Amino acid sequence: MELNMILSQGGIILWLIMATGLLSMIIFVERYVHLHRARLNVEGFTLGAFTVLKRGNKEEAMAICSKSPGPIAYIVKTIIEHSDQSKEDLRVLAEEASQSEISRMERRLIVIMSIAQLTPLLGLLGTFLGIFKYLLVISPELPLVQSADYMTGLYYALITTIAGLMVALPSYAALNLLSLKIDRVVIDMERAASETISFFQKNGTQNNDND
């Protein structure tokens, strides 16, 4: 079957499914790149920041965090900025900052999830509408309609269901992949926050004197 014939038989629902599939792909690529840039070498980053802090240069350490992209640097910067507070307060600040960063990382994932859930239903709707339309066309010709005509009509009607599944399955896979990358970043954020708070607990007196 030719492509232009498939597109014409699929109707507006097929075009809608294709548009949502394109949107899902665009969001996936944008989020994937964003999450890739969000990851840092936690051990190397915190070691560099701690080395500067041991010299008593808190402003330089914060500047390093500001120049580094991603939520991990932001969490460390938040803790450094409020390092004079208690361990419990620092943990609360780190948790609040983490929740804010997680919300940013999860931005637009709801769109991919909605596309993955709705496109099979759109495809099914398109199939039912296609069958109904075909029955209306051939009903005046009954009982002279050949079995081949029925098969052709069913074939055209199933186009939207196939298209819906072809969009939904990759969308689910993309959503799971992005969720996995977010989980890894969150683990790094928690590790960086814990190490930074522990650093100030061990070196708090020294750094406060230098400040």
Protein backbone atom coordinates (compact mmCIF):
# COMPACT_ATOMS: atom_id res chain seq x y z
CA MET A 1 0.00 0.00 0.00
CA GLU A 2 1.32 3.44 -0.93
CA LEU A 3 2.09 5.95 1.80
CA ASN A 4 -0.20 8.66 0.44
CA MET A 5 -3.06 6.16 0.37
CA ILE A 6 -2.39 5.16 3.98
CA LEU A 7 -2.38 8.80 5.07
CA SER A 8 -5.60 9.54 3.21
CA GLN A 9 -7.38 6.48 4.62
CA GLY A 10 -6.18 7.16 8.17
CA GLY A 11 -7.86 10.54 8.22
CA ILE A 12 -7.44 13.26 10.80
CA ILE A 13 -6.91 10.78 13.65
CA LEU A 14 -3.84 9.31 11.92
CA TRP A 15 -2.43 12.82 11.46
CA LEU A 16 -3.14 13.55 15.12
CA ILE A 17 -1.30 10.38 16.19
CA MET A 18 1.67 11.28 14.00
CA ALA A 19 1.76 14.82 15.44
CA THR A 20 1.72 13.53 19.03
CA GLY A 21 4.46 11.04 18.15
CA LEU A 22 6.62 13.85 16.81
CA LEU A 23 5.96 15.89 19.96
CA SER A 24 6.92 12.94 22.16
CA MET A 25 10.19 12.51 20.27
CA ILE A 26 11.06 16.22 20.55
CA ILE A 27 10.40 16.28 24.30
CA PHE A 28 12.41 13.08 24.79
CA VAL A 29 15.46 14.47 22.99
CA GLU A 30 15.28 17.78 24.89
CA ARG A 31 14.91 16.07 28.28
CA TYR A 32 17.60 13.49 27.51
CA VAL A 33 20.13 16.20 26.65
CA HIS A 34 19.13 18.20 29.74
CA LEU A 35 19.55 15.20 32.06
CA HIS A 36 22.83 14.23 30.44
CA ARG A 37 24.20 17.70 31.21
CA ALA A 38 22.79 17.53 34.74
CA ARG A 39 25.16 14.75 35.80
CA LEU A 40 28.51 15.52 37.39
CA ASN A 41 31.37 13.51 38.79
CA VAL A 42 30.25 13.92 42.40
CA GLU A 43 33.52 12.81 43.95
CA GLY A 44 35.66 15.09 41.79
CA PHE A 45 33.31 18.06 42.10
CA THR A 46 32.92 17.93 45.88
CA LEU A 47 36.67 17.32 46.32
CA GLY A 48 37.42 20.49 44.39
CA ALA A 49 34.88 22.51 46.37
CA PHE A 50 36.11 21.13 49.70
CA THR A 51 39.72 21.96 48.82
CA VAL A 52 38.74 25.59 48.29
CA LEU A 53 36.67 25.62 51.48
CA LYS A 54 39.58 24.28 53.52
CA ARG A 55 41.49 27.39 52.48
CA GLY A 56 38.68 29.44 53.96
CA ASN A 57 37.50 30.77 50.57
CA LYS A 58 33.77 30.28 50.77
CA GLU A 59 32.98 32.79 47.98
CA GLU A 60 35.26 31.00 45.53
CA ALA A 61 33.63 27.66 46.35
CA MET A 62 30.19 29.15 45.67
CA ALA A 63 31.49 30.63 42.42
CA ILE A 64 32.66 27.17 41.34
CA CYS A 65 29.18 25.83 42.02
CA SER A 66 27.55 28.68 40.10
CA LYS A 67 29.69 27.98 37.02
CA SER A 68 28.91 24.25 37.10
CA PRO A 69 25.64 23.19 35.42
CA GLY A 70 23.04 20.94 36.92
CA PRO A 71 21.21 20.30 40.19
CA ILE A 72 24.16 18.72 42.00
CA ALA A 73 26.16 21.96 41.94
CA TYR A 74 23.04 23.87 43.00
CA ILE A 75 22.51 21.63 46.04
CA VAL A 76 26.15 21.99 47.12
CA LYS A 77 25.99 25.75 46.65
CA THR A 78 22.83 25.97 48.77
CA ILE A 79 24.49 24.09 51.62
CA ILE A 80 27.68 26.18 51.40
CA GLU A 81 25.65 29.38 51.42
CA HIS A 82 23.90 28.35 54.66
CA SER A 83 26.81 26.46 56.21
CA ASP A 84 26.47 28.39 59.49
CA GLN A 85 23.17 26.64 60.23
CA SER A 86 22.68 23.38 62.12
CA LYS A 87 22.94 19.94 60.55
CA GLU A 88 19.17 19.45 60.73
CA ASP A 89 18.51 22.81 59.07
CA LEU A 90 21.00 22.02 56.32
CA ARG A 91 19.26 18.72 55.63
CA VAL A 92 15.92 20.51 55.37
CA LEU A 93 17.39 23.07 52.97
CA ALA A 94 18.98 20.32 50.89
CA GLU A 95 15.68 18.44 50.75
CA GLU A 96 13.75 21.51 49.65
CA ALA A 97 16.35 22.33 46.99
CA SER A 98 16.30 18.72 45.80
CA GLN A 99 12.53 18.71 45.41
CA SER A 100 12.73 21.89 43.37
CA GLU A 101 15.39 20.41 41.09
CA ILE A 102 13.49 17.14 40.70
CA SER A 103 10.43 19.11 39.57
CA ARG A 104 12.58 20.82 36.94
CA MET A 105 13.99 17.52 35.71
CA GLU A 106 10.51 15.98 35.47
CA ARG A 107 9.18 18.92 33.48
CA ARG A 108 7.14 17.84 30.43
CA LEU A 109 7.41 14.14 31.24
CA ILE A 110 3.65 14.21 31.86
CA VAL A 111 3.24 15.01 28.16
CA ILE A 112 5.12 11.86 27.11
CA MET A 113 3.12 9.82 29.62
CA SER A 114 -0.17 11.20 28.30
CA ILE A 115 0.84 10.47 24.71
CA ALA A 116 1.80 6.91 25.61
CA GLN A 117 -1.58 6.37 27.28
CA LEU A 118 -3.83 8.18 24.80
CA THR A 119 -2.45 7.22 21.38
CA PRO A 120 -3.64 3.56 21.58
CA LEU A 121 -7.12 4.86 22.44
CA LEU A 122 -6.98 7.31 19.54
CA GLY A 123 -5.93 4.46 17.29
CA LEU A 124 -8.83 2.32 18.49
CA LEU A 125 -11.25 5.19 17.95
CA GLY A 126 -9.91 5.64 14.43
CA THR A 127 -10.42 1.94 13.74
CA PHE A 128 -14.02 1.98 14.92
CA LEU A 129 -14.75 5.11 12.92
CA GLY A 130 -13.10 3.57 9.87
CA ILE A 131 -15.16 0.39 10.14
CA PHE A 132 -18.34 2.39 10.67
CA LYS A 133 -17.59 4.58 7.66
CA TYR A 134 -16.84 1.55 5.50
CA LEU A 135 -20.05 -0.20 6.54
CA LEU A 136 -22.04 2.87 5.59
CA VAL A 137 -20.44 2.83 2.15
CA ILE A 138 -20.97 -0.86 1.39
CA SER A 139 -24.37 -1.34 3.07
CA PRO A 140 -26.33 -0.27 -0.04
CA GLU A 141 -24.50 -2.95 -2.03
CA LEU A 142 -25.35 -5.84 0.29
CA PRO A 143 -25.51 -8.83 -0.22
CA LEU A 144 -23.39 -8.50 -3.37
CA VAL A 145 -20.25 -7.34 -1.56
CA GLN A 146 -17.28 -9.71 -1.95
CA SER A 147 -15.22 -10.95 0.99
CA ALA A 148 -12.18 -9.17 -0.49
CA ASP A 149 -14.01 -5.88 -0.10
CA TYR A 150 -14.55 -6.57 3.60
CA MET A 151 -10.87 -7.34 4.09
CA THR A 152 -9.82 -4.17 2.32
CA GLY A 153 -12.08 -2.07 4.52
CA LEU A 154 -10.82 -3.76 7.69
CA TYR A 155 -7.22 -3.26 6.57
CA TYR A 156 -7.75 0.46 6.13
CA ALA A 157 -9.57 0.72 9.46
CA LEU A 158 -6.69 -0.91 11.37
CA ILE A 159 -4.18 1.68 10.18
CA THR A 160 -4.86 4.03 13.08
CA THR A 161 -4.62 1.26 15.69
CA ILE A 162 -1.25 0.21 14.34
CA ALA A 163 -0.08 3.83 14.27
CA GLY A 164 -1.24 4.39 17.84
CA LEU A 165 0.71 1.40 19.11
CA MET A 166 3.79 2.43 17.13
CA VAL A 167 3.75 5.77 18.95
CA ALA A 168 2.76 4.46 22.39
CA LEU A 169 5.42 1.77 22.73
CA PRO A 170 8.45 4.04 22.05
CA SER A 171 6.88 6.71 24.27
CA TYR A 172 6.67 4.28 27.17
CA ALA A 173 10.28 3.24 26.57
CA ALA A 174 11.38 6.89 26.43
CA LEU A 175 9.53 7.67 29.65
CA ASN A 176 11.18 4.77 31.48
CA LEU A 177 14.62 5.77 30.22
CA LEU A 178 14.18 9.36 31.35
CA SER A 179 12.89 8.22 34.73
CA LEU A 180 15.96 6.04 35.15
CA LYS A 181 18.28 8.95 34.35
CA ILE A 182 16.41 11.17 36.84
CA ASP A 183 16.79 8.51 39.54
CA ARG A 184 20.55 8.42 38.94
CA VAL A 185 20.80 12.20 39.20
CA VAL A 186 18.76 12.15 42.42
CA ILE A 187 21.15 9.57 43.92
CA ASP A 188 24.08 11.82 43.02
CA MET A 189 22.28 14.81 44.55
CA GLU A 190 21.72 12.96 47.81
CA ARG A 191 25.32 11.80 47.90
CA ALA A 192 26.67 15.32 47.24
CA ALA A 193 24.38 16.81 49.89
CA SER A 194 25.37 14.22 52.49
CA GLU A 195 29.09 14.68 51.81
CA THR A 196 28.85 18.46 51.96
CA ILE A 197 26.92 18.48 55.23
CA SER A 198 29.39 16.00 56.72
CA PHE A 199 32.27 18.21 55.61
CA PHE A 200 30.89 21.21 57.49
CA GLN A 201 30.19 19.08 60.53
CA LYS A 202 33.84 18.02 60.63
CA ASN A 203 35.35 21.35 59.61
CA GLY A 204 32.72 23.80 60.75
CA THR A 205 34.77 25.46 63.46
CA GLN A 206 37.78 25.95 61.22
CA ASN A 207 35.78 27.45 58.38
CA ASN A 208 33.79 29.73 60.63
CA ASP A 209 37.04 31.11 62.07
CA ASN A 210 38.43 31.78 58.61
CA ASP A 211 35.21 33.51 57.55
